[in-house]
């Protein structure tokens, strides 16, 4: 039996929450390995809706859930999310939730800096969620982060606060803001520490034990490959590596543990925030797709930009992340369209290319080359086998896997957990 790594193969919002929840119900442990509470996953189970930002999706199904060291953790957001889920009847304790004790913390100063920078950026805004994710990652690599394990040693925090405040006070002065209130920050950390420390432990050690026992581990990514800080549409990206390779470093297990790589792919394309989007539709078709797909950000509530399926970017994402198979989601949103388009390549400066170039100017300048397919009038919603799909929907799925050079493993036909066509079982591969 294989472990499974789940990543988004577009710009995020591909429907990872439903797929991870479906897989988590068959896994023994789920671990988040990057990102922060800027990621939004929606789970619909027996008609009940659960919205997660930080907690691994397995927590709702009772699967052992872990937040790995590659995540930046807002301790107050963690508490709010735990309390909200407990209010929905989800049991959360130190038996089914573990937080890596070497996770860097997102602090109020990070949220402040995020907002100040974005406000001052003018036309250079990159569409950050304003939750302090980027500044927290900066402090991590700058070796001035306060980590979960430090919450148990707050009486000896002064040297770290010196390093942190020396950096942030200079930045805040540039924005005409007062220095960090060290006393207030320390008081806030002392207040939240007992809650976080309930769950703190060496996650890498617990994962090693789980793996040694032969259990199934599900590695859960956030955002999407096109938001990867190296491989995405830079600078309109997140501040972490979202590719599958991060599952190893962000969890504390080696690369030979990550197993089957499942890329989550929406049957059309969406994006939140600024940045290039070659197949974006700003017409009635785009409006219809957005309304049918309920395309609003789980975390921010921002309206998502919508476009036709872009095989170029998905093929690129699958190659970069070594995707074994994809889970195609939201095919039911395409029901009723007479004609459906797929982007198969780009034109750039008169030349045809089969990849998304690295330079932001070139990314913004590419023009999509489309292939048209007949749509279908029948409903695909709730289908649980290929036999339940209209013939043209099956042709669409088959054409996608040809163009992205990666097989389809799952097809999701509604937000409900069980409305899933299983073509290839990632855990049994």
Protein backbone atom coordinates (compact mmCIF):
# COMPACT_ATOMS: atom_id res chain seq x y z
CA UNK A 1 0.00 0.00 0.00
CA UNK A 2 1.27 3.46 -0.93
CA UNK A 3 1.27 6.74 0.94
CA UNK A 4 -0.35 9.59 -1.00
CA UNK A 5 0.72 13.21 -1.50
CA UNK A 6 -1.99 15.65 -2.60
CA UNK A 7 -1.14 18.93 -4.31
CA UNK A 8 -3.10 21.47 -6.34
CA UNK A 9 -2.05 21.58 -9.99
CA UNK A 10 -3.44 25.03 -10.85
CA UNK A 11 -3.68 28.24 -8.79
CA UNK A 12 -5.32 26.62 -5.79
CA UNK A 13 -9.07 26.28 -5.13
CA UNK A 14 -9.15 23.07 -7.18
CA UNK A 15 -11.32 21.17 -4.68
CA UNK A 16 -8.54 19.64 -2.59
CA UNK A 17 -10.65 19.68 0.57
CA UNK A 18 -13.25 17.22 -0.73
CA UNK A 19 -10.61 14.90 -2.23
CA UNK A 20 -8.38 14.98 0.84
CA UNK A 21 -11.39 14.29 3.05
CA UNK A 22 -12.34 11.32 0.83
CA UNK A 23 -8.79 9.97 1.05
CA UNK A 24 -8.43 10.79 4.74
CA UNK A 25 -11.35 8.54 5.56
CA UNK A 26 -9.17 5.69 4.22
CA UNK A 27 -5.86 6.88 5.70
CA UNK A 28 -4.35 6.38 9.14
CA UNK A 29 -2.72 9.82 9.37
CA UNK A 30 -2.91 13.14 7.50
CA UNK A 31 -0.18 15.78 7.62
CA UNK A 32 -0.18 19.38 6.32
CA UNK A 33 3.30 20.20 5.05
CA UNK A 34 3.31 23.86 3.93
CA UNK A 35 1.38 27.11 3.86
CA UNK A 36 -0.65 28.66 6.62
CA UNK A 37 -4.22 29.71 7.31
CA UNK A 38 -4.41 31.40 3.93
CA UNK A 39 -5.44 28.01 2.51
CA UNK A 40 -9.17 27.29 2.43
CA UNK A 41 -10.68 23.82 2.20
CA UNK A 42 -14.42 23.16 2.19
CA UNK A 43 -15.74 19.73 3.17
CA UNK A 44 -19.35 18.65 2.64
CA UNK A 45 -20.23 15.48 4.57
CA UNK A 46 -23.84 14.27 4.78
CA UNK A 47 -24.99 17.80 3.99
CA UNK A 48 -22.86 19.39 6.73
CA UNK A 49 -20.34 22.01 5.59
CA UNK A 50 -16.97 22.35 7.32
CA UNK A 51 -14.57 25.14 6.34
CA UNK A 52 -10.93 24.59 7.22
CA UNK A 53 -7.98 26.94 6.81
CA UNK A 54 -5.20 25.48 8.92
CA UNK A 55 -6.25 22.12 10.27
CA UNK A 56 -5.64 19.04 8.10
CA UNK A 57 -8.82 17.88 6.37
CA UNK A 58 -8.64 14.50 8.12
CA UNK A 59 -9.63 16.05 11.43
CA UNK A 60 -13.34 15.97 10.52
CA UNK A 61 -13.31 12.24 9.80
CA UNK A 62 -11.40 11.52 13.01
CA UNK A 63 -8.17 10.59 11.23
CA UNK A 64 -4.95 11.36 13.11
CA UNK A 65 -4.05 14.86 11.86
CA UNK A 66 -0.70 16.62 12.04
CA UNK A 67 0.56 20.10 11.21
CA UNK A 68 4.11 19.69 9.91
CA UNK A 69 7.13 21.93 10.38
CA UNK A 70 6.75 23.37 6.87
CA UNK A 71 3.59 25.21 7.94
CA UNK A 72 3.67 28.70 9.44
CA UNK A 73 1.22 28.64 12.35
CA UNK A 74 -1.00 31.45 13.57
CA UNK A 75 -1.76 30.20 17.11
CA UNK A 76 -4.84 32.39 17.48
CA UNK A 77 -6.24 31.21 14.14
CA UNK A 78 -5.61 27.63 15.28
CA UNK A 79 -7.59 28.19 18.46
CA UNK A 80 -10.47 29.85 16.59
CA UNK A 81 -10.66 27.00 14.08
CA UNK A 82 -10.52 24.29 16.74
CA UNK A 83 -13.28 25.98 18.75
CA UNK A 84 -15.43 26.45 15.64
CA UNK A 85 -15.14 22.79 14.64
CA UNK A 86 -15.80 21.65 18.19
CA UNK A 87 -18.97 23.74 18.01
CA UNK A 88 -19.94 21.67 14.97
CA UNK A 89 -19.48 18.46 16.93
CA UNK A 90 -15.94 17.55 15.81
CA UNK A 91 -13.86 16.06 18.64
CA UNK A 92 -10.32 17.52 18.73
CA UNK A 93 -7.71 16.54 21.31
CA UNK A 94 -4.04 15.68 21.61
CA UNK A 95 -4.76 12.14 20.44
CA UNK A 96 -6.01 13.17 16.99
CA UNK A 97 -4.17 16.49 16.48
CA UNK A 98 -0.42 17.11 16.66
CA UNK A 99 1.44 20.33 15.88
CA UNK A 100 5.14 20.23 15.03
CA UNK A 101 7.08 21.86 17.84
CA UNK A 102 9.47 23.39 15.26
CA UNK A 103 6.70 25.25 13.38
CA UNK A 104 7.38 29.00 13.04
CA UNK A 105 4.64 31.22 14.46
CA UNK A 106 2.72 33.92 12.63
CA UNK A 107 2.62 36.91 15.00
CA UNK A 108 0.59 40.14 15.02
CA UNK A 109 3.69 41.96 13.70
CA UNK A 110 3.58 39.75 10.61
CA UNK A 111 -0.03 40.63 9.91
CA UNK A 112 0.79 44.30 10.41
CA UNK A 113 3.68 44.18 7.97
CA UNK A 114 1.67 42.27 5.38
CA UNK A 115 -1.04 44.91 5.38
CA UNK A 116 1.36 47.87 5.40
CA UNK A 117 3.30 46.53 2.41
CA UNK A 118 0.23 45.71 0.34
CA UNK A 119 -1.34 49.10 1.01
CA UNK A 120 1.86 50.90 0.01
CA UNK A 121 2.45 48.77 -3.11
CA UNK A 122 -0.04 50.61 -5.31
CA UNK A 123 -0.06 49.04 -8.78
CA UNK A 124 2.50 46.52 -7.53
CA UNK A 125 0.01 44.70 -5.30
CA UNK A 126 0.34 40.92 -5.51
CA UNK A 127 -3.01 40.02 -3.93
CA UNK A 128 -1.83 38.71 -0.56
CA UNK A 129 -4.50 37.55 1.89
CA UNK A 130 -3.00 39.85 4.52
CA UNK A 131 -2.65 37.08 7.08
CA UNK A 132 1.09 37.47 7.66
CA UNK A 133 2.15 34.32 5.80
CA UNK A 134 4.93 35.90 3.74
CA UNK A 135 6.55 37.92 6.56
CA UNK A 136 6.47 34.82 8.80
CA UNK A 137 8.33 32.77 6.18
CA UNK A 138 10.81 35.65 5.79
CA UNK A 139 11.54 35.56 9.52
CA UNK A 140 11.94 31.79 9.36
CA UNK A 141 14.69 31.94 6.72
CA UNK A 142 16.09 35.06 8.41
CA UNK A 143 16.60 33.00 11.58
CA UNK A 144 14.59 35.32 13.79
CA UNK A 145 11.32 33.36 14.00
CA UNK A 146 9.59 32.45 17.23
CA UNK A 147 8.55 28.80 17.03
CA UNK A 148 6.02 26.60 18.78
CA UNK A 149 8.68 25.11 21.04
CA UNK A 150 9.57 28.63 22.26
CA UNK A 151 6.13 28.92 23.84
CA UNK A 152 7.37 26.58 26.57
CA UNK A 153 10.37 28.84 27.23
CA UNK A 154 8.94 32.37 27.18
CA UNK A 155 11.04 33.44 30.17
CA UNK A 156 14.19 33.09 28.04
CA UNK A 157 12.77 34.67 24.86
CA UNK A 158 14.61 38.01 25.09
CA UNK A 159 17.46 37.21 22.63
CA UNK A 160 14.95 36.09 19.98
CA UNK A 161 12.78 39.14 20.59
CA UNK A 162 15.89 41.31 20.14
CA UNK A 163 16.54 39.80 16.71
CA UNK A 164 12.88 39.96 15.70
CA UNK A 165 12.31 43.54 16.83
CA UNK A 166 15.56 44.85 15.37
CA UNK A 167 14.26 43.78 11.96
CA UNK A 168 10.60 44.76 12.33
CA UNK A 169 11.19 48.07 14.11
CA UNK A 170 13.30 49.29 11.17
CA UNK A 171 10.62 48.23 8.69
CA UNK A 172 7.82 49.77 10.75
CA UNK A 173 9.72 53.05 10.98
CA UNK A 174 9.81 53.14 7.18
CA UNK A 175 6.01 53.01 7.22
CA UNK A 176 5.87 55.69 9.94
CA UNK A 177 4.67 53.13 12.51
CA UNK A 178 5.75 52.83 16.17
CA UNK A 179 8.16 50.06 17.27
CA UNK A 180 6.86 46.61 18.21
CA UNK A 181 5.25 46.63 21.65
CA UNK A 182 7.35 43.84 23.14
CA UNK A 183 5.41 43.72 26.38
CA UNK A 184 2.07 43.33 24.60
CA UNK A 185 3.50 40.67 22.25
CA UNK A 186 4.91 38.67 25.15
CA UNK A 187 1.60 38.92 27.02
CA UNK A 188 -0.28 37.61 23.98
CA UNK A 189 2.14 34.71 23.64
CA UNK A 190 1.78 33.81 27.32
CA UNK A 191 -2.00 33.81 26.96
CA UNK A 192 -2.08 31.50 23.90
CA UNK A 193 0.82 29.22 24.88
CA UNK A 194 -1.12 26.68 27.01
CA UNK A 195 -3.61 26.05 24.20
CA UNK A 196 -0.95 25.41 21.52
CA UNK A 197 1.36 23.42 23.76
CA UNK A 198 -1.42 20.86 24.33
CA UNK A 199 -0.79 19.66 20.78
CA UNK A 200 2.95 20.36 20.39
CA UNK A 201 5.33 17.47 19.77
CA UNK A 202 8.04 16.29 17.34
CA UNK A 203 5.75 15.46 14.42
CA UNK A 204 8.61 13.89 12.46
CA UNK A 205 9.02 11.35 15.27
CA UNK A 206 5.34 10.48 15.38
CA UNK A 207 5.25 10.12 11.59
CA UNK A 208 8.27 7.83 11.72
CA UNK A 209 6.41 5.60 14.18
CA UNK A 210 3.26 5.61 12.03
CA UNK A 211 5.23 4.72 8.92
CA UNK A 212 7.16 1.96 10.69
CA UNK A 213 3.83 0.40 11.65
CA UNK A 214 2.88 0.21 7.95
CA UNK A 215 0.07 2.73 8.23
CA UNK A 216 -1.21 4.86 5.36
CA UNK A 217 -0.06 8.49 5.44
CA UNK A 218 -1.72 11.26 3.47
CA UNK A 219 0.41 14.37 2.84
CA UNK A 220 -1.82 17.41 2.32
CA UNK A 221 -0.60 20.43 0.36
CA UNK A 222 -2.17 23.87 0.20
CA UNK A 223 -2.59 26.39 -2.63
CA UNK A 224 -1.36 25.13 -6.04
CA UNK A 225 1.80 24.56 -8.06
CA UNK A 226 1.29 27.80 -10.00
CA UNK A 227 1.57 29.67 -6.68
CA UNK A 228 4.89 27.98 -5.82
CA UNK A 229 7.53 30.57 -4.91
CA UNK A 230 9.97 29.01 -7.42
CA UNK A 231 7.77 27.53 -10.12
CA UNK A 232 4.67 29.73 -10.01
CA UNK A 233 3.67 32.99 -11.71
CA UNK A 234 6.24 35.00 -9.73
CA UNK A 235 5.85 37.48 -8.05
CA UNK A 236 2.13 36.68 -7.87
CA UNK A 237 2.76 33.60 -5.76
CA UNK A 238 2.64 32.41 -2.16
CA UNK A 239 5.73 32.40 0.06
CA UNK A 240 6.32 28.66 0.24
CA UNK A 241 7.06 25.77 -2.10
CA UNK A 242 3.74 24.14 -2.97
CA UNK A 243 5.17 21.35 -5.14
CA UNK A 244 5.05 17.71 -4.04
CA UNK A 245 8.75 17.64 -3.10
CA UNK A 246 7.97 19.86 -0.12
CA UNK A 247 6.03 17.01 1.50
CA UNK A 248 9.37 15.50 2.56
CA UNK A 249 10.98 18.58 4.07
CA UNK A 250 7.73 20.02 5.44
CA UNK A 251 6.78 16.88 7.34
CA UNK A 252 10.12 15.51 8.48
CA UNK A 253 9.94 12.29 6.48
CA UNK A 254 12.26 11.58 3.56
CA UNK A 255 11.26 11.77 -0.11
CA UNK A 256 10.88 8.00 -0.33
CA UNK A 257 7.86 8.23 1.98
CA UNK A 258 5.67 10.51 -0.11
CA UNK A 259 4.31 7.79 -2.42
CA UNK A 260 1.60 8.38 -5.05
CA UNK A 261 1.41 12.05 -6.06
CA UNK A 262 -2.19 13.06 -6.73
CA UNK A 263 -2.64 16.38 -8.51
CA UNK A 264 -6.04 18.03 -7.96
CA UNK A 265 -7.28 19.67 -11.16
CA UNK A 266 -10.47 21.64 -11.70
CA UNK A 267 -12.31 20.92 -14.98
CA UNK A 268 -11.94 24.62 -15.81
CA UNK A 269 -9.53 27.22 -14.41
CA UNK A 270 -9.82 29.77 -11.59
CA UNK A 271 -7.54 32.20 -9.86
CA UNK A 272 -7.88 34.55 -6.86
CA UNK A 273 -5.99 37.83 -6.76
CA UNK A 274 -3.59 39.46 -9.18
CA UNK A 275 -1.35 37.88 -11.78
CA UNK A 276 -1.42 36.45 -15.31
CA UNK A 277 -4.29 34.20 -16.36
CA UNK A 278 -4.11 33.24 -20.07
CA UNK A 279 -7.59 31.68 -20.41
CA UNK A 280 -9.51 34.16 -18.26
CA UNK A 281 -13.08 34.81 -19.40
CA UNK A 282 -14.51 38.25 -18.68
CA UNK A 283 -17.74 37.62 -20.59
CA UNK A 284 -21.09 35.97 -19.98
CA UNK A 285 -19.57 32.48 -20.15
CA UNK A 286 -17.10 33.36 -17.40
CA UNK A 287 -19.90 34.83 -15.32
CA UNK A 288 -21.95 31.65 -15.74
CA UNK A 289 -19.05 29.38 -14.81
CA UNK A 290 -18.34 31.45 -11.71
CA UNK A 291 -21.95 31.41 -10.57
CA UNK A 292 -22.47 27.68 -11.20
CA UNK A 293 -19.18 26.84 -9.50
CA UNK A 294 -19.78 29.17 -6.51
CA UNK A 295 -16.34 30.64 -7.14
CA UNK A 296 -15.60 32.64 -4.04
CA UNK A 297 -12.51 32.20 -1.84
CA UNK A 298 -13.09 30.07 1.29
CA UNK A 299 -10.73 32.23 3.38
CA UNK A 300 -11.16 35.71 1.92
CA UNK A 301 -14.57 35.56 0.27
CA UNK A 302 -13.01 37.19 -2.78
CA UNK A 303 -14.60 36.46 -6.15
CA UNK A 304 -12.41 34.12 -8.20
CA UNK A 305 -11.43 34.86 -11.77
CA UNK A 306 -12.67 32.14 -14.13
CA UNK A 307 -11.52 30.71 -17.47
CA UNK A 308 -11.44 27.66 -19.72
CA UNK A 309 -9.29 24.65 -18.88
CA UNK A 310 -5.60 25.36 -19.57
CA UNK A 311 -3.82 22.11 -20.46
CA UNK A 312 -0.48 23.92 -20.79
CA UNK A 313 -0.21 24.96 -17.17
CA UNK A 314 -1.55 21.67 -15.83
CA UNK A 315 0.89 19.65 -17.95
CA UNK A 316 3.68 21.86 -16.62
CA UNK A 317 2.51 21.46 -13.00
CA UNK A 318 2.27 17.69 -13.35
CA UNK A 319 5.81 17.50 -14.72
CA UNK A 320 7.29 19.75 -12.02
CA UNK A 321 5.57 17.86 -9.20
CA UNK A 322 6.00 14.36 -10.60
CA UNK A 323 2.24 13.80 -10.53
CA UNK A 324 1.26 10.12 -10.75
CA UNK A 325 -2.41 10.77 -11.49
CA UNK A 326 -4.95 13.58 -11.25
CA UNK A 327 -8.27 14.02 -9.53
CA UNK A 328 -10.54 16.01 -11.85
CA UNK A 329 -13.07 18.10 -9.93
CA UNK A 330 -16.18 20.16 -10.68
CA UNK A 331 -16.93 18.57 -14.05
CA UNK A 332 -20.62 19.04 -13.18
CA UNK A 333 -20.16 22.82 -13.49
CA UNK A 334 -19.69 22.33 -17.25
CA UNK A 335 -23.10 20.66 -17.64
CA UNK A 336 -25.27 22.45 -20.19
CA UNK A 337 -22.57 24.17 -22.24
CA UNK A 338 -23.05 23.62 -25.97
CA UNK A 339 -19.34 24.08 -26.69
CA UNK A 340 -16.36 23.72 -24.38
CA UNK A 341 -12.86 25.02 -25.04
CA UNK A 342 -9.48 23.70 -23.94
CA UNK A 343 -6.25 25.68 -24.20
CA UNK A 344 -3.64 23.47 -25.89
CA UNK A 345 -0.79 25.97 -26.39
CA UNK A 346 0.17 29.65 -26.45
CA UNK A 347 1.28 32.24 -28.96
CA UNK A 348 4.03 34.58 -27.79
CA UNK A 349 5.52 37.20 -30.09
CA UNK A 350 4.31 35.28 -33.14
CA UNK A 351 5.70 31.93 -31.96
CA UNK A 352 3.79 28.89 -30.71
CA UNK A 353 5.03 27.59 -27.34
CA UNK A 354 3.94 24.66 -25.16
CA UNK A 355 4.85 25.99 -21.71
CA UNK A 356 4.27 29.02 -19.48
CA UNK A 357 7.44 31.16 -19.57
CA UNK A 358 9.08 32.37 -16.35
CA UNK A 359 9.04 36.15 -16.94
CA UNK A 360 5.95 37.96 -15.68
CA UNK A 361 5.78 40.11 -18.81
CA UNK A 362 5.84 37.07 -21.08
CA UNK A 363 3.26 35.32 -18.93
CA UNK A 364 0.93 38.30 -19.28
CA UNK A 365 1.52 38.47 -23.05
CA UNK A 366 0.79 34.86 -24.03
CA UNK A 367 -2.35 34.24 -26.07
CA UNK A 368 -4.19 30.93 -25.65
CA UNK A 369 -4.65 28.53 -28.55
CA UNK A 370 -7.99 26.77 -28.16
CA UNK A 371 -9.44 23.45 -29.23
CA UNK A 372 -13.23 23.21 -29.21
CA UNK A 373 -15.24 20.19 -28.08
CA UNK A 374 -18.96 19.45 -28.04
CA UNK A 375 -20.51 19.89 -24.64
CA UNK A 376 -23.31 17.87 -23.05
CA UNK A 377 -26.82 18.68 -21.87
CA UNK A 378 -27.20 15.76 -19.45
CA UNK A 379 -26.28 16.11 -15.77
CA UNK A 380 -23.03 14.68 -14.43
CA UNK A 381 -23.81 15.67 -10.84
CA UNK A 382 -23.55 12.76 -8.45
CA UNK A 383 -22.14 10.29 -11.00
CA UNK A 384 -20.12 7.49 -9.39
CA UNK A 385 -18.95 5.58 -12.48
CA UNK A 386 -17.96 6.38 -16.06
CA UNK A 387 -21.16 4.62 -17.14
CA UNK A 388 -23.13 7.39 -15.43
CA UNK A 389 -21.41 10.15 -17.44
CA UNK A 390 -22.61 11.50 -20.80
CA UNK A 391 -20.47 10.32 -23.73
CA UNK A 392 -19.16 13.84 -24.40
CA UNK A 393 -18.16 14.26 -20.75
CA UNK A 394 -16.13 11.05 -20.98
CA UNK A 395 -14.48 12.37 -24.18
CA UNK A 396 -13.63 15.58 -22.35
CA UNK A 397 -11.98 13.70 -19.48
CA UNK A 398 -10.04 11.52 -21.92
CA UNK A 399 -8.87 14.54 -23.92
CA UNK A 400 -7.63 16.26 -20.77
CA UNK A 401 -5.48 13.32 -19.75
CA UNK A 402 -4.03 13.12 -23.27
CA UNK A 403 -3.10 16.80 -23.28
CA UNK A 404 -1.60 16.89 -19.78
CA UNK A 405 0.22 13.58 -20.33
CA UNK A 406 -1.00 12.30 -16.96
CA UNK A 407 -3.76 9.74 -16.28
CA UNK A 408 -6.98 10.50 -14.42
CA UNK A 409 -7.24 8.65 -11.11
CA UNK A 410 -10.44 10.20 -9.73
CA UNK A 411 -13.33 12.28 -11.03
CA UNK A 412 -15.36 14.34 -8.57
CA UNK A 413 -18.95 15.05 -9.59
CA UNK A 414 -20.26 17.06 -6.62
CA UNK A 415 -19.02 18.49 -3.30
CA UNK A 416 -20.33 15.38 -1.47
CA UNK A 417 -17.61 12.95 -0.35
CA UNK A 418 -19.08 9.85 -2.03
CA UNK A 419 -19.87 11.43 -5.40
CA UNK A 420 -16.52 10.31 -6.79
CA UNK A 421 -15.57 8.09 -9.73
CA UNK A 422 -12.59 5.96 -8.75
CA UNK A 423 -10.47 5.07 -11.78
CA UNK A 424 -7.23 4.28 -9.98
CA UNK A 425 -6.84 3.92 -6.21
CA UNK A 426 -3.84 6.00 -5.05
CA UNK A 427 -3.50 3.99 -1.83
CA UNK A 428 -3.35 0.69 -3.70
CA UNK A 429 -1.04 1.81 -6.52
